[in-house]
Amino acid sequence: RHVAVEFSRDSGNTDHCETGIQQQIGVTLRVHSSLRLAADIWIDAQS
């Protein structure tokens, strides 16, 4: 069990829109040879 964030927009739309979340990080890397991005994702609709 987890908590996810869902982004949704009705299928009747024909114009463009972007919906999401953002986090400011502002962290300097001390080791340039190591950087890894990971996530669990799920998609159910698109147009």
All heavy atoms as atom14 arrays in JSON, in Angstrom:
{
  "sequence": "RHVAVEFSRDSGNTDHCETGIQQQIGVTLRVHSSLRLAADIWIDAQS",
  "atom14_mask": [
    [1, 1, 1, 1, 1, 1, 1, 1, 1, 1, 1, 0, 0, 0],
    [1, 1, 1, 1, 1, 1, 1, 1, 1, 1, 0, 0, 0, 0],
    [1, 1, 1, 1, 1, 1, 1, 0, 0, 0, 0, 0, 0, 0],
    [1, 1, 1, 1, 1, 0, 0, 0, 0, 0, 0, 0, 0, 0],
    [1, 1, 1, 1, 1, 1, 1, 0, 0, 0, 0, 0, 0, 0],
    [1, 1, 1, 1, 1, 1, 1, 1, 1, 0, 0, 0, 0, 0],
    [1, 1, 1, 1, 1, 1, 1, 1, 1, 1, 1, 0, 0, 0],
    [1, 1, 1, 1, 1, 1, 0, 0, 0, 0, 0, 0, 0, 0],
    [1, 1, 1, 1, 1, 1, 1, 1, 1, 1, 1, 0, 0, 0],
    [1, 1, 1, 1, 1, 1, 1, 1, 0, 0, 0, 0, 0, 0],
    [1, 1, 1, 1, 1, 1, 0, 0, 0, 0, 0, 0, 0, 0],
    [1, 1, 1, 1, 0, 0, 0, 0, 0, 0, 0, 0, 0, 0],
    [1, 1, 1, 1, 1, 1, 1, 1, 0, 0, 0, 0, 0, 0],
    [1, 1, 1, 1, 1, 1, 1, 0, 0, 0, 0, 0, 0, 0],
    [1, 1, 1, 1, 1, 1, 1, 1, 0, 0, 0, 0, 0, 0],
    [1, 1, 1, 1, 1, 1, 1, 1, 1, 1, 0, 0, 0, 0],
    [1, 1, 1, 1, 1, 1, 0, 0, 0, 0, 0, 0, 0, 0],
    [1, 1, 1, 1, 1, 1, 1, 1, 1, 0, 0, 0, 0, 0],
    [1, 1, 1, 1, 1, 1, 1, 0, 0, 0, 0, 0, 0, 0],
    [1, 1, 1, 1, 0, 0, 0, 0, 0, 0, 0, 0, 0, 0],
    [1, 1, 1, 1, 1, 1, 1, 1, 0, 0, 0, 0, 0, 0],
    [1, 1, 1, 1, 1, 1, 1, 1, 1, 0, 0, 0, 0, 0],
    [1, 1, 1, 1, 1, 1, 1, 1, 1, 0, 0, 0, 0, 0],
    [1, 1, 1, 1, 1, 1, 1, 1, 1, 0, 0, 0, 0, 0],
    [1, 1, 1, 1, 1, 1, 1, 1, 0, 0, 0, 0, 0, 0],
    [1, 1, 1, 1, 0, 0, 0, 0, 0, 0, 0, 0, 0, 0],
    [1, 1, 1, 1, 1, 1, 1, 0, 0, 0, 0, 0, 0, 0],
    [1, 1, 1, 1, 1, 1, 1, 0, 0, 0, 0, 0, 0, 0],
    [1, 1, 1, 1, 1, 1, 1, 1, 0, 0, 0, 0, 0, 0],
    [1, 1, 1, 1, 1, 1, 1, 1, 1, 1, 1, 0, 0, 0],
    [1, 1, 1, 1, 1, 1, 1, 0, 0, 0, 0, 0, 0, 0],
    [1, 1, 1, 1, 1, 1, 1, 1, 1, 1, 0, 0, 0, 0],
    [1, 1, 1, 1, 1, 1, 0, 0, 0, 0, 0, 0, 0, 0],
    [1, 1, 1, 1, 1, 1, 0, 0, 0, 0, 0, 0, 0, 0],
    [1, 1, 1, 1, 1, 1, 1, 1, 0, 0, 0, 0, 0, 0],
    [1, 1, 1, 1, 1, 1, 1, 1, 1, 1, 1, 0, 0, 0],
    [1, 1, 1, 1, 1, 1, 1, 1, 0, 0, 0, 0, 0, 0],
    [1, 1, 1, 1, 1, 0, 0, 0, 0, 0, 0, 0, 0, 0],
    [1, 1, 1, 1, 1, 0, 0, 0, 0, 0, 0, 0, 0, 0],
    [1, 1, 1, 1, 1, 1, 1, 1, 0, 0, 0, 0, 0, 0],
    [1, 1, 1, 1, 1, 1, 1, 1, 0, 0, 0, 0, 0, 0],
    [1, 1, 1, 1, 1, 1, 1, 1, 1, 1, 1, 1, 1, 1],
    [1, 1, 1, 1, 1, 1, 1, 1, 0, 0, 0, 0, 0, 0],
    [1, 1, 1, 1, 1, 1, 1, 1, 0, 0, 0, 0, 0, 0],
    [1, 1, 1, 1, 1, 0, 0, 0, 0, 0, 0, 0, 0, 0],
    [1, 1, 1, 1, 1, 1, 1, 1, 1, 0, 0, 0, 0, 0],
    [1, 1, 1, 1, 1, 1, 0, 0, 0, 0, 0, 0, 0, 0]
  ],
  "atom14_positions": [
    [[0.83, -1.2, 0.0], [0.0, 0.0, 0.0], [0.87, 1.25, 0.0], [1.83, 1.35, 0.76], [-0.92, 0.0, 1.21], [-1.98, -1.11, 1.18], [-2.9, -1.02, 2.38], [-3.93, -2.05, 2.33], [-4.88, -2.2, 3.25], [-4.93, -1.37, 4.31], [-5.78, -3.16, 3.13], [0.0, 0.0, 0.0], [0.0, 0.0, 0.0], [0.0, 0.0, 0.0]],
    [[0.5, 2.2, -0.86], [1.22, 3.46, -0.98], [0.23, 4.59, -1.22], [-0.98, 4.36, -1.39], [2.22, 3.41, -2.14], [3.37, 2.48, -1.91], [4.51, 2.85, -1.25], [3.53, 1.17, -2.27], [5.35, 1.82, -1.21], [4.77, 0.79, -1.81], [0.0, 0.0, 0.0], [0.0, 0.0, 0.0], [0.0, 0.0, 0.0], [0.0, 0.0, 0.0]],
    [[0.76, 5.79, -1.26], [-0.01, 6.97, -1.67], [0.63, 7.5, -2.94], [1.85, 7.7, -2.99], [-0.02, 8.06, -0.58], [-0.75, 9.3, -1.09], [-0.68, 7.53, 0.68], [0.0, 0.0, 0.0], [0.0, 0.0, 0.0], [0.0, 0.0, 0.0], [0.0, 0.0, 0.0], [0.0, 0.0, 0.0], [0.0, 0.0, 0.0], [0.0, 0.0, 0.0]],
    [[-0.19, 7.72, -3.97], [0.31, 8.24, -5.24], [-0.34, 9.59, -5.52], [-1.36, 9.95, -4.92], [0.01, 7.26, -6.37], [0.0, 0.0, 0.0], [0.0, 0.0, 0.0], [0.0, 0.0, 0.0], [0.0, 0.0, 0.0], [0.0, 0.0, 0.0], [0.0, 0.0, 0.0], [0.0, 0.0, 0.0], [0.0, 0.0, 0.0], [0.0, 0.0, 0.0]],
    [[0.27, 10.33, -6.44], [-0.32, 11.56, -6.95], [-0.84, 11.28, -8.35], [-0.11, 10.71, -9.19], [0.68, 12.72, -6.97], [0.09, 13.93, -7.67], [1.06, 13.09, -5.54], [0.0, 0.0, 0.0], [0.0, 0.0, 0.0], [0.0, 0.0, 0.0], [0.0, 0.0, 0.0], [0.0, 0.0, 0.0], [0.0, 0.0, 0.0], [0.0, 0.0, 0.0]],
    [[-2.09, 11.65, -8.59], [-2.73, 11.4, -9.89], [-2.93, 12.71, -10.63], [-3.38, 13.71, -10.07], [-4.07, 10.71, -9.67], [-4.84, 10.42, -10.95], [-6.17, 9.75, -10.68], [-6.18, 8.52, -10.5], [-7.2, 10.47, -10.63], [0.0, 0.0, 0.0], [0.0, 0.0, 0.0], [0.0, 0.0, 0.0], [0.0, 0.0, 0.0], [0.0, 0.0, 0.0]],
    [[-2.58, 12.69, -11.94], [-2.82, 13.81, -12.83], [-3.9, 13.36, -13.83], [-3.73, 12.33, -14.5], [-1.56, 14.21, -13.6], [-0.33, 14.28, -12.74], [0.82, 13.58, -13.08], [-0.31, 15.04, -11.57], [1.96, 13.64, -12.3], [0.82, 15.1, -10.78], [1.95, 14.4, -11.15], [0.0, 0.0, 0.0], [0.0, 0.0, 0.0], [0.0, 0.0, 0.0]],
    [[-4.98, 14.13, -13.96], [-6.06, 13.71, -14.84], [-6.7, 14.92, -15.52], [-6.71, 16.04, -14.98], [-7.13, 12.92, -14.07], [-7.69, 13.72, -13.05], [0.0, 0.0, 0.0], [0.0, 0.0, 0.0], [0.0, 0.0, 0.0], [0.0, 0.0, 0.0], [0.0, 0.0, 0.0], [0.0, 0.0, 0.0], [0.0, 0.0, 0.0], [0.0, 0.0, 0.0]],
    [[-7.2, 14.66, -16.72], [-7.94, 15.68, -17.49], [-8.94, 14.93, -18.37], [-8.6, 13.91, -18.97], [-6.98, 16.52, -18.32], [-7.62, 17.8, -18.9], [-6.54, 18.68, -19.51], [-7.05, 20.01, -19.87], [-7.11, 20.46, -21.12], [-6.69, 19.7, -22.14], [-7.57, 21.67, -21.36], [0.0, 0.0, 0.0], [0.0, 0.0, 0.0], [0.0, 0.0, 0.0]],
    [[-10.17, 15.47, -18.46], [-11.25, 14.78, -19.16], [-10.92, 14.53, -20.63], [-10.23, 15.33, -21.29], [-12.54, 15.59, -19.07], [-13.1, 15.62, -17.66], [-12.71, 14.74, -16.87], [-13.9, 16.53, -17.35], [0.0, 0.0, 0.0], [0.0, 0.0, 0.0], [0.0, 0.0, 0.0], [0.0, 0.0, 0.0], [0.0, 0.0, 0.0], [0.0, 0.0, 0.0]],
    [[-11.47, 13.43, -21.15], [-11.18, 13.02, -22.52], [-11.84, 13.9, -23.57], [-11.49, 13.82, -24.75], [-11.63, 11.57, -22.73], [-13.03, 11.44, -22.48], [0.0, 0.0, 0.0], [0.0, 0.0, 0.0], [0.0, 0.0, 0.0], [0.0, 0.0, 0.0], [0.0, 0.0, 0.0], [0.0, 0.0, 0.0], [0.0, 0.0, 0.0], [0.0, 0.0, 0.0]],
    [[-12.8, 14.74, -23.19], [-13.47, 15.58, -24.18], [-12.66, 16.78, -24.62], [-13.05, 17.49, -25.55], [0.0, 0.0, 0.0], [0.0, 0.0, 0.0], [0.0, 0.0, 0.0], [0.0, 0.0, 0.0], [0.0, 0.0, 0.0], [0.0, 0.0, 0.0], [0.0, 0.0, 0.0], [0.0, 0.0, 0.0], [0.0, 0.0, 0.0], [0.0, 0.0, 0.0]],
    [[-11.52, 17.04, -23.99], [-10.72, 18.22, -24.33], [-9.89, 17.96, -25.58], [-9.38, 16.86, -25.8], [-9.79, 18.58, -23.17], [-10.55, 19.11, -21.97], [-11.03, 20.23, -21.97], [-10.66, 18.27, -20.94], [0.0, 0.0, 0.0], [0.0, 0.0, 0.0], [0.0, 0.0, 0.0], [0.0, 0.0, 0.0], [0.0, 0.0, 0.0], [0.0, 0.0, 0.0]],
    [[-9.76, 19.0, -26.41], [-8.94, 18.91, -27.63], [-7.83, 19.94, -27.64], [-7.1, 20.03, -28.63], [-9.83, 19.11, -28.87], [-10.48, 20.4, -28.8], [-10.88, 18.01, -28.98], [0.0, 0.0, 0.0], [0.0, 0.0, 0.0], [0.0, 0.0, 0.0], [0.0, 0.0, 0.0], [0.0, 0.0, 0.0], [0.0, 0.0, 0.0], [0.0, 0.0, 0.0]],
    [[-7.67, 20.72, -26.57], [-6.6, 21.7, -26.47], [-5.49, 21.15, -25.57], [-5.69, 20.17, -24.85], [-7.12, 23.03, -25.91], [-7.68, 22.86, -24.52], [-8.56, 21.99, -24.33], [-7.23, 23.57, -23.6], [0.0, 0.0, 0.0], [0.0, 0.0, 0.0], [0.0, 0.0, 0.0], [0.0, 0.0, 0.0], [0.0, 0.0, 0.0], [0.0, 0.0, 0.0]],
    [[-4.35, 21.82, -25.6], [-3.18, 21.35, -24.83], [-3.23, 21.86, -23.4], [-3.64, 22.99, -23.13], [-1.9, 21.84, -25.5], [-0.65, 21.53, -24.73], [-0.03, 20.31, -24.78], [0.07, 22.29, -23.84], [1.03, 20.32, -24.0], [1.11, 21.5, -23.41], [0.0, 0.0, 0.0], [0.0, 0.0, 0.0], [0.0, 0.0, 0.0], [0.0, 0.0, 0.0]],
    [[-2.78, 21.02, -22.46], [-2.64, 21.43, -21.05], [-1.61, 20.53, -20.38], [-1.52, 19.34, -20.67], [-3.98, 21.33, -20.33], [-3.89, 21.85, -18.59], [0.0, 0.0, 0.0], [0.0, 0.0, 0.0], [0.0, 0.0, 0.0], [0.0, 0.0, 0.0], [0.0, 0.0, 0.0], [0.0, 0.0, 0.0], [0.0, 0.0, 0.0], [0.0, 0.0, 0.0]],
    [[-0.82, 21.12, -19.51], [0.14, 20.37, -18.71], [-0.25, 20.46, -17.24], [-0.57, 21.56, -16.74], [1.55, 20.91, -18.91], [2.06, 20.74, -20.34], [3.44, 21.31, -20.57], [3.98, 21.97, -19.64], [3.98, 21.12, -21.68], [0.0, 0.0, 0.0], [0.0, 0.0, 0.0], [0.0, 0.0, 0.0], [0.0, 0.0, 0.0], [0.0, 0.0, 0.0]],
    [[-0.23, 19.34, -16.55], [-0.65, 19.26, -15.15], [0.36, 18.42, -14.39], [0.69, 17.3, -14.82], [-2.04, 18.61, -15.03], [-2.98, 19.34, -15.81], [-2.48, 18.57, -13.57], [0.0, 0.0, 0.0], [0.0, 0.0, 0.0], [0.0, 0.0, 0.0], [0.0, 0.0, 0.0], [0.0, 0.0, 0.0], [0.0, 0.0, 0.0], [0.0, 0.0, 0.0]],
    [[0.85, 18.93, -13.27], [1.81, 18.14, -12.52], [2.21, 18.77, -11.2], [1.51, 19.65, -10.66], [0.0, 0.0, 0.0], [0.0, 0.0, 0.0], [0.0, 0.0, 0.0], [0.0, 0.0, 0.0], [0.0, 0.0, 0.0], [0.0, 0.0, 0.0], [0.0, 0.0, 0.0], [0.0, 0.0, 0.0], [0.0, 0.0, 0.0], [0.0, 0.0, 0.0]],
    [[3.33, 18.33, -10.68], [3.89, 18.85, -9.43], [5.38, 19.09, -9.62], [6.03, 18.43, -10.43], [3.65, 17.88, -8.25], [4.21, 16.48, -8.57], [2.19, 17.84, -7.86], [4.13, 15.51, -7.42], [0.0, 0.0, 0.0], [0.0, 0.0, 0.0], [0.0, 0.0, 0.0], [0.0, 0.0, 0.0], [0.0, 0.0, 0.0], [0.0, 0.0, 0.0]],
    [[5.93, 20.02, -8.87], [7.33, 20.37, -9.0], [7.94, 20.57, -7.61], [7.28, 21.06, -6.69], [7.5, 21.66, -9.81], [8.94, 22.04, -10.11], [9.02, 23.23, -11.06], [8.13, 24.07, -11.08], [10.09, 23.29, -11.85], [0.0, 0.0, 0.0], [0.0, 0.0, 0.0], [0.0, 0.0, 0.0], [0.0, 0.0, 0.0], [0.0, 0.0, 0.0]],
    [[9.21, 20.19, -7.49], [9.94, 20.42, -6.24], [11.27, 21.1, -6.55], [12.03, 20.63, -7.39], [10.21, 19.1, -5.5], [10.93, 19.3, -4.17], [10.99, 18.03, -3.32], [12.01, 17.75, -2.7], [9.9, 17.26, -3.28], [0.0, 0.0, 0.0], [0.0, 0.0, 0.0], [0.0, 0.0, 0.0], [0.0, 0.0, 0.0], [0.0, 0.0, 0.0]],
    [[11.52, 22.21, -5.86], [12.81, 22.88, -5.95], [13.83, 22.11, -5.11], [13.56, 21.79, -3.96], [12.71, 24.33, -5.46], [11.79, 25.2, -6.29], [12.28, 25.37, -7.72], [13.48, 25.53, -7.96], [11.36, 25.33, -8.67], [0.0, 0.0, 0.0], [0.0, 0.0, 0.0], [0.0, 0.0, 0.0], [0.0, 0.0, 0.0], [0.0, 0.0, 0.0]],
    [[14.99, 21.82, -5.68], [15.99, 21.0, -4.99], [17.21, 21.83, -4.62], [17.57, 21.92, -3.45], [16.39, 19.8, -5.87], [15.15, 18.93, -6.14], [17.47, 18.98, -5.19], [15.39, 17.8, -7.09], [0.0, 0.0, 0.0], [0.0, 0.0, 0.0], [0.0, 0.0, 0.0], [0.0, 0.0, 0.0], [0.0, 0.0, 0.0], [0.0, 0.0, 0.0]],
    [[17.89, 22.41, -5.59], [19.02, 23.28, -5.3], [20.16, 22.61, -4.57], [20.72, 23.19, -3.64], [0.0, 0.0, 0.0], [0.0, 0.0, 0.0], [0.0, 0.0, 0.0], [0.0, 0.0, 0.0], [0.0, 0.0, 0.0], [0.0, 0.0, 0.0], [0.0, 0.0, 0.0], [0.0, 0.0, 0.0], [0.0, 0.0, 0.0], [0.0, 0.0, 0.0]],
    [[20.53, 21.4, -4.98], [21.59, 20.65, -4.31], [22.78, 20.5, -5.25], [22.63, 20.08, -6.4], [21.09, 19.25, -3.87], [22.25, 18.4, -3.38], [20.05, 19.41, -2.78], [0.0, 0.0, 0.0], [0.0, 0.0, 0.0], [0.0, 0.0, 0.0], [0.0, 0.0, 0.0], [0.0, 0.0, 0.0], [0.0, 0.0, 0.0], [0.0, 0.0, 0.0]],
    [[23.97, 20.82, -4.75], [25.2, 20.66, -5.52], [25.7, 19.22, -5.4], [25.78, 18.68, -4.29], [26.28, 21.62, -5.02], [25.82, 22.96, -5.19], [27.58, 21.44, -5.78], [0.0, 0.0, 0.0], [0.0, 0.0, 0.0], [0.0, 0.0, 0.0], [0.0, 0.0, 0.0], [0.0, 0.0, 0.0], [0.0, 0.0, 0.0], [0.0, 0.0, 0.0]],
    [[26.04, 18.62, -6.53], [26.53, 17.24, -6.51], [27.98, 17.22, -6.06], [28.81, 17.97, -6.57], [26.42, 16.62, -7.91], [25.0, 16.46, -8.47], [25.06, 15.85, -9.85], [24.16, 15.6, -7.55], [0.0, 0.0, 0.0], [0.0, 0.0, 0.0], [0.0, 0.0, 0.0], [0.0, 0.0, 0.0], [0.0, 0.0, 0.0], [0.0, 0.0, 0.0]],
    [[28.29, 16.35, -5.13], [29.67, 16.21, -4.65], [30.41, 15.14, -5.44], [31.62, 15.11, -5.49], [29.68, 15.85, -3.16], [28.88, 16.83, -2.31], [29.0, 16.53, -0.84], [30.29, 16.98, -0.31], [31.24, 16.16, 0.07], [31.09, 14.86, -0.06], [32.37, 16.62, 0.56], [0.0, 0.0, 0.0], [0.0, 0.0, 0.0], [0.0, 0.0, 0.0]],
    [[29.66, 14.2, -6.05], [30.25, 13.12, -6.84], [29.55, 13.11, -8.19], [28.38, 12.77, -8.29], [30.06, 11.76, -6.14], [30.69, 10.65, -6.98], [30.68, 11.78, -4.75], [0.0, 0.0, 0.0], [0.0, 0.0, 0.0], [0.0, 0.0, 0.0], [0.0, 0.0, 0.0], [0.0, 0.0, 0.0], [0.0, 0.0, 0.0], [0.0, 0.0, 0.0]],
    [[30.26, 13.51, -9.24], [29.64, 13.63, -10.55], [29.37, 12.29, -11.21], [28.65, 12.21, -12.19], [30.52, 14.49, -11.46], [30.69, 15.89, -10.96], [29.63, 16.77, -10.86], [31.77, 16.56, -10.54], [30.05, 17.93, -10.39], [31.35, 17.83, -10.18], [0.0, 0.0, 0.0], [0.0, 0.0, 0.0], [0.0, 0.0, 0.0], [0.0, 0.0, 0.0]],
    [[29.96, 11.22, -10.69], [29.8, 9.91, -11.31], [28.63, 9.13, -10.73], [28.54, 7.93, -10.94], [31.09, 9.1, -11.15], [31.33, 8.86, -9.77], [0.0, 0.0, 0.0], [0.0, 0.0, 0.0], [0.0, 0.0, 0.0], [0.0, 0.0, 0.0], [0.0, 0.0, 0.0], [0.0, 0.0, 0.0], [0.0, 0.0, 0.0], [0.0, 0.0, 0.0]],
    [[27.73, 9.79, -10.02], [26.63, 9.06, -9.4], [25.39, 9.94, -9.36], [25.37, 10.96, -8.69], [27.01, 8.64, -7.98], [25.88, 8.12, -7.3], [0.0, 0.0, 0.0], [0.0, 0.0, 0.0], [0.0, 0.0, 0.0], [0.0, 0.0, 0.0], [0.0, 0.0, 0.0], [0.0, 0.0, 0.0], [0.0, 0.0, 0.0], [0.0, 0.0, 0.0]],
    [[24.36, 9.56, -10.11], [23.08, 10.25, -10.08], [22.02, 9.3, -10.61], [22.11, 8.81, -11.73], [23.12, 11.52, -10.94], [21.86, 12.39, -10.89], [21.63, 12.92, -9.47], [21.98, 13.55, -11.88], [0.0, 0.0, 0.0], [0.0, 0.0, 0.0], [0.0, 0.0, 0.0], [0.0, 0.0, 0.0], [0.0, 0.0, 0.0], [0.0, 0.0, 0.0]],
    [[21.01, 9.01, -9.79], [20.0, 8.02, -10.16], [18.61, 8.55, -9.82], [18.36, 9.01, -8.71], [20.26, 6.7, -9.42], [19.33, 5.56, -9.83], [19.74, 4.26, -9.15], [21.03, 3.82, -9.66], [21.17, 3.04, -10.73], [20.12, 2.64, -11.41], [22.37, 2.67, -11.13], [0.0, 0.0, 0.0], [0.0, 0.0, 0.0], [0.0, 0.0, 0.0]],
    [[17.72, 8.49, -10.82], [16.33, 8.91, -10.68], [15.44, 7.69, -10.77], [15.59, 6.88, -11.7], [15.97, 9.92, -11.77], [14.51, 10.37, -11.85], [14.1, 11.12, -10.58], [14.28, 11.24, -13.09], [0.0, 0.0, 0.0], [0.0, 0.0, 0.0], [0.0, 0.0, 0.0], [0.0, 0.0, 0.0], [0.0, 0.0, 0.0], [0.0, 0.0, 0.0]],
    [[14.51, 7.53, -9.83], [13.63, 6.36, -9.81], [12.21, 6.78, -9.46], [11.99, 7.79, -8.79], [14.15, 5.32, -8.81], [0.0, 0.0, 0.0], [0.0, 0.0, 0.0], [0.0, 0.0, 0.0], [0.0, 0.0, 0.0], [0.0, 0.0, 0.0], [0.0, 0.0, 0.0], [0.0, 0.0, 0.0], [0.0, 0.0, 0.0], [0.0, 0.0, 0.0]],
    [[11.25, 5.97, -9.92], [9.84, 6.24, -9.63], [9.02, 5.01, -9.95], [9.42, 4.15, -10.75], [9.34, 7.43, -10.44], [0.0, 0.0, 0.0], [0.0, 0.0, 0.0], [0.0, 0.0, 0.0], [0.0, 0.0, 0.0], [0.0, 0.0, 0.0], [0.0, 0.0, 0.0], [0.0, 0.0, 0.0], [0.0, 0.0, 0.0], [0.0, 0.0, 0.0]],
    [[7.84, 4.91, -9.33], [6.82, 3.94, -9.72], [5.73, 4.71, -10.46], [5.21, 5.71, -9.94], [6.24, 3.25, -8.49], [7.25, 2.34, -7.81], [8.14, 1.82, -8.52], [7.15, 2.16, -6.58], [0.0, 0.0, 0.0], [0.0, 0.0, 0.0], [0.0, 0.0, 0.0], [0.0, 0.0, 0.0], [0.0, 0.0, 0.0], [0.0, 0.0, 0.0]],
    [[5.39, 4.25, -11.68], [4.46, 5.01, -12.53], [3.33, 4.11, -13.02], [3.46, 2.88, -13.08], [5.19, 5.64, -13.73], [5.77, 4.55, -14.64], [6.29, 6.58, -13.25], [6.34, 5.09, -15.93], [0.0, 0.0, 0.0], [0.0, 0.0, 0.0], [0.0, 0.0, 0.0], [0.0, 0.0, 0.0], [0.0, 0.0, 0.0], [0.0, 0.0, 0.0]],
    [[2.21, 4.77, -13.42], [1.01, 4.07, -13.89], [0.26, 5.02, -14.81], [0.08, 6.2, -14.49], [0.18, 3.7, -12.68], [-1.16, 3.06, -12.9], [-1.45, 1.72, -12.92], [-2.42, 3.74, -13.08], [-2.79, 1.52, -13.09], [-3.41, 2.75, -13.2], [-2.81, 5.08, -13.15], [-4.76, 3.04, -13.37], [-4.14, 5.39, -13.33], [-5.11, 4.39, -13.44]],
    [[-0.15, 4.54, -15.97], [-0.88, 5.36, -16.93], [-2.11, 4.59, -17.39], [-2.02, 3.39, -17.73], [-0.01, 5.73, -18.15], [1.26, 6.46, -17.71], [-0.8, 6.6, -19.13], [2.24, 6.72, -18.84], [0.0, 0.0, 0.0], [0.0, 0.0, 0.0], [0.0, 0.0, 0.0], [0.0, 0.0, 0.0], [0.0, 0.0, 0.0], [0.0, 0.0, 0.0]],
    [[-3.26, 5.28, -17.47], [-4.5, 4.62, -17.86], [-5.2, 5.3, -19.03], [-6.11, 4.71, -19.62], [-5.46, 4.56, -16.66], [-6.63, 3.61, -16.9], [-6.37, 2.43, -17.24], [-7.79, 4.04, -16.76], [0.0, 0.0, 0.0], [0.0, 0.0, 0.0], [0.0, 0.0, 0.0], [0.0, 0.0, 0.0], [0.0, 0.0, 0.0], [0.0, 0.0, 0.0]],
    [[-4.8, 6.53, -19.37], [-5.47, 7.23, -20.47], [-4.53, 8.26, -21.06], [-3.7, 8.84, -20.35], [-6.76, 7.89, -20.01], [0.0, 0.0, 0.0], [0.0, 0.0, 0.0], [0.0, 0.0, 0.0], [0.0, 0.0, 0.0], [0.0, 0.0, 0.0], [0.0, 0.0, 0.0], [0.0, 0.0, 0.0], [0.0, 0.0, 0.0], [0.0, 0.0, 0.0]],
    [[-4.67, 8.5, -22.38], [-3.87, 9.54, -23.01], [-4.48, 9.97, -24.34], [-5.13, 9.18, -25.04], [-2.43, 9.07, -23.27], [-2.27, 8.18, -24.5], [-0.83, 7.98, -24.91], [-0.22, 7.0, -24.48], [-0.3, 8.87, -25.73], [0.0, 0.0, 0.0], [0.0, 0.0, 0.0], [0.0, 0.0, 0.0], [0.0, 0.0, 0.0], [0.0, 0.0, 0.0]],
    [[-4.3, 11.23, -24.68], [-4.64, 11.79, -25.98], [-3.84, 13.08, -26.13], [-3.81, 13.89, -25.2], [-6.14, 12.09, -26.09], [-6.44, 12.72, -27.33], [0.0, 0.0, 0.0], [0.0, 0.0, 0.0], [0.0, 0.0, 0.0], [0.0, 0.0, 0.0], [0.0, 0.0, 0.0], [0.0, 0.0, 0.0], [0.0, 0.0, 0.0], [0.0, 0.0, 0.0]]
  ]
}
